[in-house]
PDB file of all heavy atoms in Angstrom:
ATOM      1  N   ALA A   1       0.844  -1.200  -0.007  1.00  0.00           N
ATOM      2  CA  ALA A   1       0.013  -0.010   0.012  1.00  0.00           C
ATOM      3  C   ALA A   1       0.871   1.244   0.017  1.00  0.00           C
ATOM      4  O   ALA A   1       0.417   2.272  -0.495  1.00  0.00           O
ATOM      5  CB  ALA A   1      -0.962  -0.004   1.235  1.00  0.00           C
ATOM      6  N   THR A   2       2.072   1.152   0.571  1.00  0.00           N
ATOM      7  CA  THR A   2       2.936   2.343   0.637  1.00  0.00           C
ATOM      8  C   THR A   2       4.299   1.932   0.171  1.00  0.00           C
ATOM      9  O   THR A   2       4.532   0.854  -0.381  1.00  0.00           O
ATOM     10  CB  THR A   2       3.055   2.899   2.113  1.00  0.00           C
ATOM     11  OG1 THR A   2       3.641   1.874   2.898  1.00  0.00           O
ATOM     12  CG2 THR A   2       1.715   3.259   2.592  1.00  0.00           C
ATOM     13  N   HIS A   3       5.230   2.786   0.250  1.00  0.00           N
ATOM     14  CA  HIS A   3       6.571   2.482   0.017  1.00  0.00           C
ATOM     15  C   HIS A   3       7.175   1.528   1.083  1.00  0.00           C
ATOM     16  O   HIS A   3       6.862   1.663   2.212  1.00  0.00           O
ATOM     17  CB  HIS A   3       7.408   3.827  -0.022  1.00  0.00           C
ATOM     18  CG  HIS A   3       8.710   3.610  -0.660  1.00  0.00           C
ATOM     19  ND1 HIS A   3       9.848   3.218  -0.074  1.00  0.00           N
ATOM     20  CD2 HIS A   3       9.086   3.766  -2.032  1.00  0.00           C
ATOM     21  CE1 HIS A   3      10.889   3.171  -0.863  1.00  0.00           C
ATOM     22  NE2 HIS A   3      10.507   3.492  -2.074  1.00  0.00           N
ATOM     23  N   PRO A   4       8.058   0.539   0.742  1.00  0.00           N
ATOM     24  CA  PRO A   4       8.646  -0.332   1.752  1.00  0.00           C
ATOM     25  C   PRO A   4       9.429   0.466   2.862  1.00  0.00           C
ATOM     26  O   PRO A   4       9.604  -0.095   3.908  1.00  0.00           O
ATOM     27  CB  PRO A   4       9.599  -1.192   0.933  1.00  0.00           C
ATOM     28  CG  PRO A   4       9.062  -1.120  -0.442  1.00  0.00           C
ATOM     29  CD  PRO A   4       8.405   0.211  -0.644  1.00  0.00           C
ATOM     30  N   PHE A   5       9.785   1.658   2.542  1.00  0.00           N
ATOM     31  CA  PHE A   5      10.487   2.483   3.539  1.00  0.00           C
ATOM     32  C   PHE A   5       9.595   2.677   4.795  1.00  0.00           C
ATOM     33  O   PHE A   5      10.093   2.731   5.902  1.00  0.00           O
ATOM     34  CB  PHE A   5      10.784   3.842   2.919  1.00  0.00           C
ATOM     35  CG  PHE A   5      11.246   4.905   3.914  1.00  0.00           C
ATOM     36  CD1 PHE A   5      12.620   4.961   4.332  1.00  0.00           C
ATOM     37  CD2 PHE A   5      10.362   5.800   4.479  1.00  0.00           C
ATOM     38  CE1 PHE A   5      13.004   5.858   5.174  1.00  0.00           C
ATOM     39  CE2 PHE A   5      10.855   6.774   5.308  1.00  0.00           C
ATOM     40  CZ  PHE A   5      12.216   6.780   5.672  1.00  0.00           C
ATOM     41  N   VAL A   6       8.254   2.761   4.576  1.00  0.00           N
ATOM     42  CA  VAL A   6       7.384   2.925   5.766  1.00  0.00           C
ATOM     43  C   VAL A   6       7.438   1.771   6.743  1.00  0.00           C
ATOM     44  O   VAL A   6       7.544   1.929   7.955  1.00  0.00           O
ATOM     45  CB  VAL A   6       5.914   3.157   5.200  1.00  0.00           C
ATOM     46  CG1 VAL A   6       4.914   3.162   6.386  1.00  0.00           C
ATOM     47  CG2 VAL A   6       5.800   4.338   4.366  1.00  0.00           C
ATOM     48  N   TRP A   7       7.416   0.539   6.166  1.00  0.00           N
ATOM     49  CA  TRP A   7       7.596  -0.636   7.091  1.00  0.00           C
ATOM     50  C   TRP A   7       8.958  -0.763   7.620  1.00  0.00           C
ATOM     51  O   TRP A   7       9.159  -1.014   8.861  1.00  0.00           O
ATOM     52  CB  TRP A   7       7.207  -1.920   6.306  1.00  0.00           C
ATOM     53  CG  TRP A   7       7.304  -3.069   7.371  1.00  0.00           C
ATOM     54  CD1 TRP A   7       8.295  -3.906   7.464  1.00  0.00           C
ATOM     55  CD2 TRP A   7       6.303  -3.498   8.285  1.00  0.00           C
ATOM     56  NE1 TRP A   7       8.065  -4.877   8.408  1.00  0.00           N
ATOM     57  CE2 TRP A   7       6.806  -4.589   8.978  1.00  0.00           C
ATOM     58  CE3 TRP A   7       5.074  -3.007   8.589  1.00  0.00           C
ATOM     59  CZ2 TRP A   7       6.109  -5.287   9.968  1.00  0.00           C
ATOM     60  CZ3 TRP A   7       4.338  -3.719   9.594  1.00  0.00           C
ATOM     61  CH2 TRP A   7       4.902  -4.816  10.283  1.00  0.00           C
ATOM     62  N   ASN A   8       9.968  -0.660   6.824  1.00  0.00           N
ATOM     63  CA  ASN A   8      11.338  -0.968   7.224  1.00  0.00           C
ATOM     64  C   ASN A   8      11.830   0.072   8.221  1.00  0.00           C
ATOM     65  O   ASN A   8      12.532  -0.277   9.143  1.00  0.00           O
ATOM     66  CB  ASN A   8      12.304  -0.967   5.942  1.00  0.00           C
ATOM     67  CG  ASN A   8      11.946  -2.147   5.097  1.00  0.00           C
ATOM     68  OD1 ASN A   8      11.403  -3.168   5.512  1.00  0.00           O
ATOM     69  ND2 ASN A   8      12.316  -2.006   3.846  1.00  0.00           N
ATOM     70  N   VAL A   9      11.574   1.341   7.981  1.00  0.00           N
ATOM     71  CA  VAL A   9      12.138   2.326   8.897  1.00  0.00           C
ATOM     72  C   VAL A   9      11.220   2.823   9.921  1.00  0.00           C
ATOM     73  O   VAL A   9      11.479   2.871  11.140  1.00  0.00           O
ATOM     74  CB  VAL A   9      12.626   3.567   8.004  1.00  0.00           C
ATOM     75  CG1 VAL A   9      13.105   4.617   8.870  1.00  0.00           C
ATOM     76  CG2 VAL A   9      13.738   3.042   7.065  1.00  0.00           C
ATOM     77  N   LEU A  10       9.985   3.216   9.528  1.00  0.00           N
ATOM     78  CA  LEU A  10       9.109   3.780  10.528  1.00  0.00           C
ATOM     79  C   LEU A  10       8.477   2.701  11.416  1.00  0.00           C
ATOM     80  O   LEU A  10       8.597   2.790  12.671  1.00  0.00           O
ATOM     81  CB  LEU A  10       7.954   4.525   9.747  1.00  0.00           C
ATOM     82  CG  LEU A  10       8.423   5.712   8.888  1.00  0.00           C
ATOM     83  CD1 LEU A  10       7.285   6.379   8.187  1.00  0.00           C
ATOM     84  CD2 LEU A  10       9.148   6.765   9.837  1.00  0.00           C
ATOM     85  N   ILE A  11       7.750   1.828  10.864  1.00  0.00           N
ATOM     86  CA  ILE A  11       7.035   0.824  11.671  1.00  0.00           C
ATOM     87  C   ILE A  11       8.071  -0.137  12.288  1.00  0.00           C
ATOM     88  O   ILE A  11       7.942  -0.621  13.460  1.00  0.00           O
ATOM     89  CB  ILE A  11       5.965   0.103  10.931  1.00  0.00           C
ATOM     90  CG1 ILE A  11       4.873   1.084  10.416  1.00  0.00           C
ATOM     91  CG2 ILE A  11       5.288  -0.991  11.672  1.00  0.00           C
ATOM     92  CD1 ILE A  11       3.813   0.593   9.525  1.00  0.00           C
ATOM     93  N   GLY A  12       9.056  -0.583  11.481  1.00  0.00           N
ATOM     94  CA  GLY A  12      10.007  -1.484  11.961  1.00  0.00           C
ATOM     95  C   GLY A  12      10.786  -0.969  13.154  1.00  0.00           C
ATOM     96  O   GLY A  12      11.116  -1.720  14.086  1.00  0.00           O
ATOM     97  N   SER A  13      11.096   0.321  13.185  1.00  0.00           N
ATOM     98  CA  SER A  13      11.807   0.834  14.295  1.00  0.00           C
ATOM     99  C   SER A  13      10.937   0.936  15.605  1.00  0.00           C
ATOM    100  O   SER A  13      11.396   0.898  16.683  1.00  0.00           O
ATOM    101  CB  SER A  13      12.339   2.254  13.972  1.00  0.00           C
ATOM    102  OG  SER A  13      11.288   3.162  13.731  1.00  0.00           O
ATOM    103  N   ILE A  14       9.596   1.027  15.326  1.00  0.00           N
ATOM    104  CA  ILE A  14       8.733   1.005  16.574  1.00  0.00           C
ATOM    105  C   ILE A  14       8.514  -0.362  17.085  1.00  0.00           C
ATOM    106  O   ILE A  14       8.611  -0.582  18.299  1.00  0.00           O
ATOM    107  CB  ILE A  14       7.412   1.724  16.178  1.00  0.00           C
ATOM    108  CG1 ILE A  14       7.613   3.204  15.899  1.00  0.00           C
ATOM    109  CG2 ILE A  14       6.398   1.519  17.315  1.00  0.00           C
ATOM    110  CD1 ILE A  14       6.492   3.861  15.360  1.00  0.00           C
ATOM    111  N   ILE A  15       8.266  -1.336  16.256  1.00  0.00           N
ATOM    112  CA  ILE A  15       7.950  -2.657  16.727  1.00  0.00           C
ATOM    113  C   ILE A  15       9.217  -3.460  17.253  1.00  0.00           C
ATOM    114  O   ILE A  15       9.064  -4.452  17.823  1.00  0.00           O
ATOM    115  CB  ILE A  15       7.170  -3.504  15.718  1.00  0.00           C
ATOM    116  CG1 ILE A  15       7.970  -3.766  14.509  1.00  0.00           C
ATOM    117  CG2 ILE A  15       5.852  -2.849  15.393  1.00  0.00           C
ATOM    118  CD1 ILE A  15       7.279  -4.782  13.547  1.00  0.00           C
ATOM    119  N   ASN A  16      10.338  -2.906  16.934  1.00  0.00           N
ATOM    120  CA  ASN A  16      11.594  -3.510  17.449  1.00  0.00           C
ATOM    121  C   ASN A  16      11.991  -2.977  18.760  1.00  0.00           C
ATOM    122  O   ASN A  16      13.134  -3.153  19.224  1.00  0.00           O
ATOM    123  CB  ASN A  16      12.696  -3.381  16.397  1.00  0.00           C
ATOM    124  CG  ASN A  16      12.549  -4.477  15.323  1.00  0.00           C
ATOM    125  OD1 ASN A  16      12.160  -5.569  15.589  1.00  0.00           O
ATOM    126  ND2 ASN A  16      12.846  -3.957  14.104  1.00  0.00           N
ATOM    127  N   LEU A  17      11.085  -2.225  19.421  1.00  0.00           N
ATOM    128  CA  LEU A  17      11.371  -1.728  20.789  1.00  0.00           C
ATOM    129  C   LEU A  17      10.802  -2.769  21.832  1.00  0.00           C
ATOM    130  O   LEU A  17       9.993  -3.618  21.469  1.00  0.00           O
ATOM    131  CB  LEU A  17      10.610  -0.380  21.014  1.00  0.00           C
ATOM    132  CG  LEU A  17      11.134   0.793  20.195  1.00  0.00           C
ATOM    133  CD1 LEU A  17      10.317   1.969  20.386  1.00  0.00           C
ATOM    134  CD2 LEU A  17      12.623   1.114  20.779  1.00  0.00           C
ATOM    135  N   PRO A  18      11.254  -2.680  23.061  1.00  0.00           N
ATOM    136  CA  PRO A  18      10.709  -3.547  24.098  1.00  0.00           C
ATOM    137  C   PRO A  18       9.208  -3.353  24.296  1.00  0.00           C
ATOM    138  O   PRO A  18       8.720  -2.210  24.175  1.00  0.00           O
ATOM    139  CB  PRO A  18      11.500  -3.238  25.363  1.00  0.00           C
ATOM    140  CG  PRO A  18      12.744  -2.552  24.834  1.00  0.00           C
ATOM    141  CD  PRO A  18      12.417  -1.913  23.568  1.00  0.00           C
ATOM    142  N   THR A  19       8.545  -4.416  24.619  1.00  0.00           N
ATOM    143  CA  THR A  19       7.059  -4.371  24.799  1.00  0.00           C
ATOM    144  C   THR A  19       6.660  -3.394  25.912  1.00  0.00           C
ATOM    145  O   THR A  19       5.771  -2.607  25.754  1.00  0.00           O
ATOM    146  CB  THR A  19       6.564  -5.770  25.090  1.00  0.00           C
ATOM    147  OG1 THR A  19       6.928  -6.589  24.005  1.00  0.00           O
ATOM    148  CG2 THR A  19       5.049  -5.789  25.140  1.00  0.00           C
ATOM    149  N   PHE A  20       7.373  -3.476  27.003  1.00  0.00           N
ATOM    150  CA  PHE A  20       6.984  -2.593  28.147  1.00  0.00           C
ATOM    151  C   PHE A  20       7.188  -1.137  27.789  1.00  0.00           C
ATOM    152  O   PHE A  20       6.488  -0.260  28.243  1.00  0.00           O
ATOM    153  CB  PHE A  20       7.800  -2.908  29.445  1.00  0.00           C
ATOM    154  CG  PHE A  20       9.234  -2.592  29.360  1.00  0.00           C
ATOM    155  CD1 PHE A  20       9.638  -1.331  29.795  1.00  0.00           C
ATOM    156  CD2 PHE A  20      10.237  -3.484  28.921  1.00  0.00           C
ATOM    157  CE1 PHE A  20      11.035  -0.989  29.864  1.00  0.00           C
ATOM    158  CE2 PHE A  20      11.530  -3.145  28.932  1.00  0.00           C
ATOM    159  CZ  PHE A  20      11.954  -1.913  29.349  1.00  0.00           C
ATOM    160  N   LEU A  21       8.119  -0.779  26.932  1.00  0.00           N
ATOM    161  CA  LEU A  21       8.364   0.618  26.520  1.00  0.00           C
ATOM    162  C   LEU A  21       7.291   1.036  25.609  1.00  0.00           C
ATOM    163  O   LEU A  21       6.751   2.227  25.824  1.00  0.00           O
ATOM    164  CB  LEU A  21       9.766   0.695  25.801  1.00  0.00           C
ATOM    165  CG  LEU A  21      10.219   2.099  25.560  1.00  0.00           C
ATOM    166  CD1 LEU A  21      10.518   2.848  26.909  1.00  0.00           C
ATOM    167  CD2 LEU A  21      11.525   2.001  24.784  1.00  0.00           C
ATOM    168  N   ILE A  22       6.855   0.295  24.661  1.00  0.00           N
ATOM    169  CA  ILE A  22       5.755   0.664  23.740  1.00  0.00           C
ATOM    170  C   ILE A  22       4.448   0.853  24.496  1.00  0.00           C
ATOM    171  O   ILE A  22       3.785   1.873  24.387  1.00  0.00           O
ATOM    172  CB  ILE A  22       5.597  -0.381  22.621  1.00  0.00           C
ATOM    173  CG1 ILE A  22       6.856  -0.332  21.698  1.00  0.00           C
ATOM    174  CG2 ILE A  22       4.335  -0.103  21.845  1.00  0.00           C
ATOM    175  CD1 ILE A  22       6.789  -1.378  20.633  1.00  0.00           C
ATOM    176  N   PHE A  23       4.055  -0.121  25.316  1.00  0.00           N
ATOM    177  CA  PHE A  23       2.852  -0.015  26.025  1.00  0.00           C
ATOM    178  C   PHE A  23       2.880   1.025  27.117  1.00  0.00           C
ATOM    179  O   PHE A  23       1.880   1.682  27.440  1.00  0.00           O
ATOM    180  CB  PHE A  23       2.397  -1.383  26.587  1.00  0.00           C
ATOM    181  CG  PHE A  23       1.679  -2.182  25.479  1.00  0.00           C
ATOM    182  CD1 PHE A  23       2.461  -3.182  24.869  1.00  0.00           C
ATOM    183  CD2 PHE A  23       0.455  -2.015  25.219  1.00  0.00           C
ATOM    184  CE1 PHE A  23       1.848  -3.952  23.919  1.00  0.00           C
ATOM    185  CE2 PHE A  23      -0.197  -2.781  24.221  1.00  0.00           C
ATOM    186  CZ  PHE A  23       0.544  -3.794  23.547  1.00  0.00           C
ATOM    187  N   GLY A  24       4.000   1.192  27.715  1.00  0.00           N
ATOM    188  CA  GLY A  24       4.223   2.373  28.713  1.00  0.00           C
ATOM    189  C   GLY A  24       4.027   3.684  28.002  1.00  0.00           C
ATOM    190  O   GLY A  24       3.303   4.577  28.598  1.00  0.00           O
ATOM    191  N   ALA A  25       4.555   3.813  26.853  1.00  0.00           N
ATOM    192  CA  ALA A  25       4.373   5.142  26.114  1.00  0.00           C
ATOM    193  C   ALA A  25       2.906   5.352  25.769  1.00  0.00           C
ATOM    194  O   ALA A  25       2.358   6.389  25.799  1.00  0.00           O
ATOM    195  CB  ALA A  25       5.322   5.211  24.899  1.00  0.00           C
ATOM    196  N   LEU A  26       2.303   4.266  25.231  1.00  0.00           N
ATOM    197  CA  LEU A  26       0.893   4.378  24.855  1.00  0.00           C
ATOM    198  C   LEU A  26       0.004   4.651  26.089  1.00  0.00           C
ATOM    199  O   LEU A  26      -0.915   5.498  25.946  1.00  0.00           O
ATOM    200  CB  LEU A  26       0.426   3.102  24.181  1.00  0.00           C
ATOM    201  CG  LEU A  26       0.853   2.829  22.731  1.00  0.00           C
ATOM    202  CD1 LEU A  26       0.415   1.473  22.332  1.00  0.00           C
ATOM    203  CD2 LEU A  26       0.295   3.897  21.861  1.00  0.00           C
ATOM    204  N   GLY A  27       0.315   4.021  27.189  1.00  0.00           N
ATOM    205  CA  GLY A  27      -0.426   4.272  28.437  1.00  0.00           C
ATOM    206  C   GLY A  27      -0.238   5.705  28.968  1.00  0.00           C
ATOM    207  O   GLY A  27      -1.160   6.371  29.342  1.00  0.00           O
ATOM    208  N   ALA A  28       0.975   6.251  28.832  1.00  0.00           N
ATOM    209  CA  ALA A  28       1.235   7.642  29.260  1.00  0.00           C
ATOM    210  C   ALA A  28       0.535   8.592  28.403  1.00  0.00           C
ATOM    211  O   ALA A  28      -0.056   9.569  28.775  1.00  0.00           O
ATOM    212  CB  ALA A  28       2.694   7.834  29.372  1.00  0.00           C
ATOM    213  N   LEU A  29       0.582   8.303  27.078  1.00  0.00           N
ATOM    214  CA  LEU A  29      -0.098   9.213  26.122  1.00  0.00           C
ATOM    215  C   LEU A  29      -1.559   9.154  26.307  1.00  0.00           C
ATOM    216  O   LEU A  29      -2.232  10.229  26.281  1.00  0.00           O
ATOM    217  CB  LEU A  29       0.316   8.708  24.716  1.00  0.00           C
ATOM    218  CG  LEU A  29      -0.279   9.677  23.566  1.00  0.00           C
ATOM    219  CD1 LEU A  29       0.367  11.054  23.587  1.00  0.00           C
ATOM    220  CD2 LEU A  29      -0.017   8.998  22.222  1.00  0.00           C
ATOM    221  N   ALA A  30      -2.207   7.984  26.504  1.00  0.00           N
ATOM    222  CA  ALA A  30      -3.670   7.930  26.755  1.00  0.00           C
ATOM    223  C   ALA A  30      -4.024   8.613  28.050  1.00  0.00           C
ATOM    224  O   ALA A  30      -5.040   9.260  28.164  1.00  0.00           O
ATOM    225  CB  ALA A  30      -4.110   6.471  26.706  1.00  0.00           C
ATOM    226  N   ALA A  31      -3.169   8.405  29.089  1.00  0.00           N
ATOM    227  CA  ALA A  31      -3.501   9.086  30.385  1.00  0.00           C
ATOM    228  C   ALA A  31      -3.367  10.556  30.290  1.00  0.00           C
ATOM    229  O   ALA A  31      -4.198  11.245  30.844  1.00  0.00           O
ATOM    230  CB  ALA A  31      -2.510   8.525  31.460  1.00  0.00           C
ATOM    231  N   LEU A  32      -2.376  11.055  29.613  1.00  0.00           N
ATOM    232  CA  LEU A  32      -2.244  12.498  29.345  1.00  0.00           C
ATOM    233  C   LEU A  32      -3.379  13.059  28.593  1.00  0.00           C
ATOM    234  O   LEU A  32      -3.911  14.169  28.874  1.00  0.00           O
ATOM    235  CB  LEU A  32      -0.857  12.763  28.713  1.00  0.00           C
ATOM    236  CG  LEU A  32      -0.558  14.245  28.499  1.00  0.00           C
ATOM    237  CD1 LEU A  32      -0.285  14.868  29.843  1.00  0.00           C
ATOM    238  CD2 LEU A  32       0.650  14.332  27.635  1.00  0.00           C
ATOM    239  N   THR A  33      -3.780  12.372  27.462  1.00  0.00           N
ATOM    240  CA  THR A  33      -4.861  12.834  26.632  1.00  0.00           C
ATOM    241  C   THR A  33      -6.213  12.811  27.371  1.00  0.00           C
ATOM    242  O   THR A  33      -7.022  13.672  27.234  1.00  0.00           O
ATOM    243  CB  THR A  33      -4.985  12.019  25.386  1.00  0.00           C
ATOM    244  OG1 THR A  33      -3.638  12.058  24.792  1.00  0.00           O
ATOM    245  CG2 THR A  33      -5.919  12.637  24.420  1.00  0.00           C
ATOM    246  N   GLY A  34      -6.410  11.727  28.184  1.00  0.00           N
ATOM    247  CA  GLY A  34      -7.696  11.576  28.828  1.00  0.00           C
ATOM    248  C   GLY A  34      -7.826  12.078  30.216  1.00  0.00           C
ATOM    249  O   GLY A  34      -8.845  11.806  30.938  1.00  0.00           O
ATOM    250  N   ARG A  35      -6.816  12.874  30.679  1.00  0.00           N
ATOM    251  CA  ARG A  35      -6.902  13.400  32.076  1.00  0.00           C
ATOM    252  C   ARG A  35      -8.059  14.310  32.259  1.00  0.00           C
ATOM    253  O   ARG A  35      -8.528  14.936  31.314  1.00  0.00           O
ATOM    254  CB  ARG A  35      -5.618  14.062  32.385  1.00  0.00           C
ATOM    255  CG  ARG A  35      -5.368  15.392  31.772  1.00  0.00           C
ATOM    256  CD  ARG A  35      -3.994  15.961  32.067  1.00  0.00           C
ATOM    257  NE  ARG A  35      -3.867  17.311  31.649  1.00  0.00           N
ATOM    258  CZ  ARG A  35      -3.551  17.594  30.371  1.00  0.00           C
ATOM    259  NH1 ARG A  35      -3.365  16.659  29.473  1.00  0.00           N
ATOM    260  NH2 ARG A  35      -3.450  18.880  29.977  1.00  0.00           N
ATOM    261  N   ARG A  36      -8.486  14.402  33.533  1.00  0.00           N
ATOM    262  CA  ARG A  36      -9.555  15.354  33.853  1.00  0.00           C
ATOM    263  C   ARG A  36      -9.010  16.751  33.796  1.00  0.00           C
ATOM    264  O   ARG A  36      -7.971  17.065  34.320  1.00  0.00           O
ATOM    265  CB  ARG A  36     -10.076  15.020  35.221  1.00  0.00           C
ATOM    266  CG  ARG A  36     -10.883  13.768  35.243  1.00  0.00           C
ATOM    267  CD  ARG A  36     -11.571  13.623  36.622  1.00  0.00           C
ATOM    268  NE  ARG A  36     -12.476  12.499  36.622  1.00  0.00           N
ATOM    269  CZ  ARG A  36     -12.144  11.277  36.994  1.00  0.00           C
ATOM    270  NH1 ARG A  36     -10.949  11.005  37.510  1.00  0.00           N
ATOM    271  NH2 ARG A  36     -13.075  10.298  36.987  1.00  0.00           N
ATOM    272  N   ARG A  37      -9.828  17.619  33.170  1.00  0.00           N
ATOM    273  CA  ARG A  37      -9.402  18.968  33.104  1.00  0.00           C
ATOM    274  C   ARG A  37      -9.802  19.723  34.414  1.00  0.00           C
ATOM    275  O   ARG A  37     -10.821  19.458  35.003  1.00  0.00           O
ATOM    276  CB  ARG A  37     -10.059  19.661  31.897  1.00  0.00           C
ATOM    277  CG  ARG A  37      -9.947  18.987  30.648  1.00  0.00           C
ATOM    278  CD  ARG A  37      -8.458  19.006  30.129  1.00  0.00           C
ATOM    279  NE  ARG A  37      -8.324  18.490  28.744  1.00  0.00           N
ATOM    280  CZ  ARG A  37      -7.724  17.421  28.411  1.00  0.00           C
ATOM    281  NH1 ARG A  37      -7.285  16.680  29.320  1.00  0.00           N
ATOM    282  NH2 ARG A  37      -7.649  17.091  27.162  1.00  0.00           N
ATOM    283  N   GLU A  38      -8.933  20.621  34.822  1.00  0.00           N
ATOM    284  CA  GLU A  38      -9.270  21.467  35.959  1.00  0.00           C
ATOM    285  C   GLU A  38     -10.213  22.555  35.595  1.00  0.00           C
ATOM    286  O   GLU A  38     -10.094  23.179  34.503  1.00  0.00           O
ATOM    287  CB  GLU A  38      -8.020  22.039  36.572  1.00  0.00           C
ATOM    288  CG  GLU A  38      -7.091  21.053  37.178  1.00  0.00           C
ATOM    289  CD  GLU A  38      -5.846  21.653  37.784  1.00  0.00           C
ATOM    290  OE1 GLU A  38      -5.966  22.912  38.157  1.00  0.00           O
ATOM    291  OE2 GLU A  38      -4.816  21.032  37.894  1.00  0.00           O
ATOM    292  N   LYS A  39     -11.170  22.784  36.483  1.00  0.00           N
ATOM    293  CA  LYS A  39     -12.104  23.924  36.175  1.00  0.00           C
ATOM    294  C   LYS A  39     -11.410  25.219  36.562  1.00  0.00           C
ATOM    295  O   LYS A  39     -10.809  25.336  37.610  1.00  0.00           O
ATOM    296  CB  LYS A  39     -13.425  23.772  36.968  1.00  0.00           C
ATOM    297  CG  LYS A  39     -14.510  23.034  36.313  1.00  0.00           C
ATOM    298  CD  LYS A  39     -15.795  23.242  37.121  1.00  0.00           C
ATOM    299  CE  LYS A  39     -16.894  22.934  36.274  1.00  0.00           C
ATOM    300  NZ  LYS A  39     -18.196  23.070  37.012  1.00  0.00           N
ATOM    301  N   LEU A  40     -11.454  26.100  35.710  1.00  0.00           N
ATOM    302  CA  LEU A  40     -10.829  27.438  35.941  1.00  0.00           C
ATOM    303  C   LEU A  40     -11.992  28.491  36.138  1.00  0.00           C
ATOM    304  O   LEU A  40     -12.747  28.704  35.225  1.00  0.00           O
ATOM    305  CB  LEU A  40      -9.999  27.799  34.755  1.00  0.00           C
ATOM    306  CG  LEU A  40      -9.183  29.151  34.864  1.00  0.00           C
ATOM    307  CD1 LEU A  40      -8.240  29.049  36.054  1.00  0.00           C
ATOM    308  CD2 LEU A  40      -8.476  29.367  33.597  1.00  0.00           C
ATOM    309  N   ASP A  41     -12.071  28.965  37.348  1.00  0.00           N
ATOM    310  CA  ASP A  41     -13.046  30.000  37.556  1.00  0.00           C
ATOM    311  C   ASP A  41     -12.455  31.324  37.602  1.00  0.00           C
ATOM    312  O   ASP A  41     -11.532  31.654  38.409  1.00  0.00           O
ATOM    313  CB  ASP A  41     -13.651  29.738  38.966  1.00  0.00           C
ATOM    314  CG  ASP A  41     -14.505  28.522  38.991  1.00  0.00           C
ATOM    315  OD1 ASP A  41     -15.114  28.142  37.966  1.00  0.00           O
ATOM    316  OD2 ASP A  41     -14.521  27.883  40.090  1.00  0.00           O
TER     317      ASP A  41
END
């Protein structure tokens, strides 16, 4: 669907990381994005 560069360099560099690092980053990103906003009066 794309150039082989996308799999070899972009996706390949991500999936060749340790599992705890990938899921930890995803969890931190989801927690940061879904955090409760403070009410500002």
